[in-house]
N, C-alpha and C. Protein backbone atom coordinates (compact mmCIF):
# COMPACT_ATOMS: atom_id res chain seq x y z
N UNK A 1 -12.68 -6.05 -5.25
CA UNK A 1 -12.36 -5.23 -4.10
C UNK A 1 -13.58 -4.35 -3.81
N UNK A 2 -13.98 -4.28 -2.54
CA UNK A 2 -15.12 -3.44 -2.18
C UNK A 2 -14.65 -1.99 -2.03
N UNK A 3 -15.60 -1.10 -1.98
CA UNK A 3 -15.27 0.32 -1.81
C UNK A 3 -14.57 0.55 -0.48
N UNK A 4 -15.04 -0.11 0.57
CA UNK A 4 -14.42 0.06 1.89
C UNK A 4 -12.96 -0.41 1.88
N UNK A 5 -12.68 -1.53 1.22
CA UNK A 5 -11.30 -2.02 1.11
C UNK A 5 -10.44 -1.05 0.31
N UNK A 6 -11.01 -0.49 -0.75
CA UNK A 6 -10.29 0.48 -1.57
C UNK A 6 -9.94 1.72 -0.77
N UNK A 7 -10.88 2.23 0.01
CA UNK A 7 -10.62 3.42 0.82
C UNK A 7 -9.52 3.13 1.83
N UNK A 8 -9.54 1.96 2.46
CA UNK A 8 -8.47 1.60 3.41
C UNK A 8 -7.11 1.56 2.72
N UNK A 9 -7.06 0.98 1.53
CA UNK A 9 -5.80 0.91 0.77
C UNK A 9 -5.30 2.32 0.43
N UNK A 10 -6.21 3.18 -0.01
CA UNK A 10 -5.82 4.54 -0.38
C UNK A 10 -5.31 5.31 0.84
N UNK A 11 -6.01 5.19 1.97
CA UNK A 11 -5.57 5.89 3.19
C UNK A 11 -4.21 5.38 3.65
N UNK A 12 -3.99 4.07 3.53
CA UNK A 12 -2.71 3.47 3.91
C UNK A 12 -1.57 4.06 3.09
N UNK A 13 -1.87 4.47 1.85
CA UNK A 13 -0.87 5.05 0.96
C UNK A 13 -0.86 6.57 0.98
N UNK A 14 -1.49 7.17 1.99
CA UNK A 14 -1.40 8.61 2.19
C UNK A 14 -2.51 9.46 1.59
N UNK A 15 -3.46 8.86 0.87
CA UNK A 15 -4.56 9.63 0.29
C UNK A 15 -5.50 10.10 1.40
N UNK A 16 -6.13 11.21 1.20
CA UNK A 16 -7.00 11.76 2.23
C UNK A 16 -8.24 12.41 1.61
N UNK A 17 -9.32 12.47 2.42
CA UNK A 17 -10.57 13.08 1.98
C UNK A 17 -10.42 14.59 1.91
N UNK A 18 -11.00 15.20 0.87
CA UNK A 18 -10.97 16.64 0.78
C UNK A 18 -12.37 17.25 0.76
N UNK A 19 -13.37 16.47 0.31
CA UNK A 19 -14.73 17.01 0.23
C UNK A 19 -15.74 15.88 0.05
N UNK A 20 -16.98 16.17 0.42
CA UNK A 20 -18.06 15.23 0.20
C UNK A 20 -19.03 15.83 -0.79
N UNK A 21 -19.29 15.11 -1.87
CA UNK A 21 -20.30 15.53 -2.83
C UNK A 21 -21.64 14.93 -2.43
N UNK A 22 -22.62 15.03 -3.31
CA UNK A 22 -23.93 14.47 -2.99
C UNK A 22 -23.92 12.95 -3.06
N UNK A 23 -23.13 12.37 -3.96
CA UNK A 23 -23.10 10.91 -4.10
C UNK A 23 -21.70 10.31 -4.04
N UNK A 24 -20.68 11.15 -4.05
CA UNK A 24 -19.31 10.67 -4.05
C UNK A 24 -18.48 11.45 -3.04
N UNK A 25 -17.39 10.84 -2.59
CA UNK A 25 -16.40 11.52 -1.77
C UNK A 25 -15.23 11.87 -2.68
N UNK A 26 -14.60 12.97 -2.40
CA UNK A 26 -13.44 13.41 -3.17
C UNK A 26 -12.20 13.20 -2.32
N UNK A 27 -11.20 12.57 -2.91
CA UNK A 27 -9.94 12.32 -2.22
C UNK A 27 -8.80 12.92 -3.03
N UNK A 28 -7.68 13.11 -2.35
CA UNK A 28 -6.49 13.63 -3.02
C UNK A 28 -5.30 12.73 -2.70
N UNK A 29 -4.45 12.55 -3.69
CA UNK A 29 -3.26 11.73 -3.53
C UNK A 29 -2.03 12.62 -3.38
N UNK A 30 -1.24 12.41 -2.33
CA UNK A 30 0.01 13.16 -2.20
C UNK A 30 1.07 12.67 -3.19
N UNK A 31 0.88 11.47 -3.72
CA UNK A 31 1.85 10.89 -4.67
C UNK A 31 1.76 11.59 -6.01
N UNK A 32 0.52 11.73 -6.55
CA UNK A 32 0.33 12.33 -7.87
C UNK A 32 -0.15 13.76 -7.80
N UNK A 33 -0.69 14.17 -6.66
CA UNK A 33 -1.26 15.52 -6.53
C UNK A 33 -2.62 15.65 -7.18
N UNK A 34 -3.20 14.53 -7.63
CA UNK A 34 -4.48 14.55 -8.32
C UNK A 34 -5.64 14.30 -7.35
N UNK A 35 -6.78 14.87 -7.70
CA UNK A 35 -8.02 14.62 -6.97
C UNK A 35 -8.84 13.61 -7.75
N UNK A 36 -9.58 12.77 -7.04
CA UNK A 36 -10.42 11.77 -7.68
C UNK A 36 -11.63 11.48 -6.81
N UNK A 37 -12.64 10.88 -7.43
CA UNK A 37 -13.89 10.59 -6.74
C UNK A 37 -13.98 9.11 -6.37
N UNK A 38 -14.62 8.86 -5.23
CA UNK A 38 -14.91 7.50 -4.77
C UNK A 38 -16.39 7.46 -4.43
N UNK A 39 -17.12 6.49 -4.97
CA UNK A 39 -18.53 6.34 -4.65
C UNK A 39 -18.71 5.89 -3.21
N UNK A 40 -19.87 6.16 -2.63
CA UNK A 40 -20.17 5.74 -1.26
C UNK A 40 -20.99 4.46 -1.29
N UNK A 41 -20.32 3.35 -1.58
CA UNK A 41 -20.99 2.05 -1.66
C UNK A 41 -20.13 1.04 -0.91
N UNK A 42 -19.95 1.25 0.37
CA UNK A 42 -19.02 0.50 1.20
C UNK A 42 -18.86 -0.98 0.95
N UNK A 43 -19.97 -1.72 0.87
CA UNK A 43 -19.87 -3.17 0.76
C UNK A 43 -19.97 -3.68 -0.67
N UNK A 44 -20.17 -2.79 -1.63
CA UNK A 44 -20.29 -3.21 -3.02
C UNK A 44 -18.92 -3.28 -3.69
N UNK A 45 -18.81 -4.21 -4.64
CA UNK A 45 -17.58 -4.34 -5.41
C UNK A 45 -17.42 -3.14 -6.35
N UNK A 46 -16.19 -2.66 -6.48
CA UNK A 46 -15.89 -1.58 -7.41
C UNK A 46 -15.64 -2.21 -8.78
N UNK A 47 -16.25 -1.66 -9.81
CA UNK A 47 -16.06 -2.18 -11.17
C UNK A 47 -14.58 -2.13 -11.53
N UNK A 48 -14.12 -3.11 -12.28
CA UNK A 48 -12.70 -3.25 -12.60
C UNK A 48 -12.12 -2.00 -13.25
N UNK A 49 -12.80 -1.45 -14.24
CA UNK A 49 -12.30 -0.25 -14.91
C UNK A 49 -12.23 0.94 -13.97
N UNK A 50 -13.24 1.08 -13.14
CA UNK A 50 -13.28 2.18 -12.16
C UNK A 50 -12.14 2.02 -11.16
N UNK A 51 -11.93 0.81 -10.70
CA UNK A 51 -10.86 0.53 -9.75
C UNK A 51 -9.50 0.92 -10.32
N UNK A 52 -9.23 0.51 -11.55
CA UNK A 52 -7.94 0.82 -12.18
C UNK A 52 -7.78 2.32 -12.39
N UNK A 53 -8.85 3.00 -12.74
CA UNK A 53 -8.79 4.45 -12.95
C UNK A 53 -8.47 5.18 -11.63
N UNK A 54 -9.11 4.75 -10.55
CA UNK A 54 -8.87 5.37 -9.23
C UNK A 54 -7.44 5.09 -8.77
N UNK A 55 -6.99 3.84 -8.91
CA UNK A 55 -5.63 3.50 -8.49
C UNK A 55 -4.58 4.26 -9.30
N UNK A 56 -4.83 4.44 -10.59
CA UNK A 56 -3.90 5.20 -11.44
C UNK A 56 -3.85 6.66 -11.00
N UNK A 57 -5.02 7.25 -10.73
CA UNK A 57 -5.07 8.65 -10.30
C UNK A 57 -4.36 8.83 -8.95
N UNK A 58 -4.44 7.79 -8.11
CA UNK A 58 -3.82 7.87 -6.78
C UNK A 58 -2.34 7.51 -6.81
N UNK A 59 -1.88 6.89 -7.88
CA UNK A 59 -0.49 6.46 -7.95
C UNK A 59 -0.21 5.25 -7.08
N UNK A 60 -1.23 4.39 -6.90
CA UNK A 60 -1.15 3.22 -6.04
C UNK A 60 -1.31 1.98 -6.90
N UNK A 61 -0.61 0.91 -6.57
CA UNK A 61 -0.80 -0.35 -7.30
C UNK A 61 -1.22 -1.43 -6.31
N UNK A 62 -1.83 -2.48 -6.81
CA UNK A 62 -2.27 -3.59 -5.97
C UNK A 62 -1.14 -4.56 -5.67
N UNK A 63 -0.01 -4.41 -6.32
CA UNK A 63 1.10 -5.34 -6.15
C UNK A 63 1.96 -4.99 -4.98
């Protein structure tokens, strides 16, 4: 899954941007109330471990 696809999935599930860092964007999940970082690499694939960590923090599943 690319970063752009991940961001679309997160937004579809209610997550929203809260801040921009120097190399990452910060998002917040209304499901878990947690904040998490997303790298700005739109067309690059997200590493499997990173993807699972972000999805867990957001309370979103791929299923």
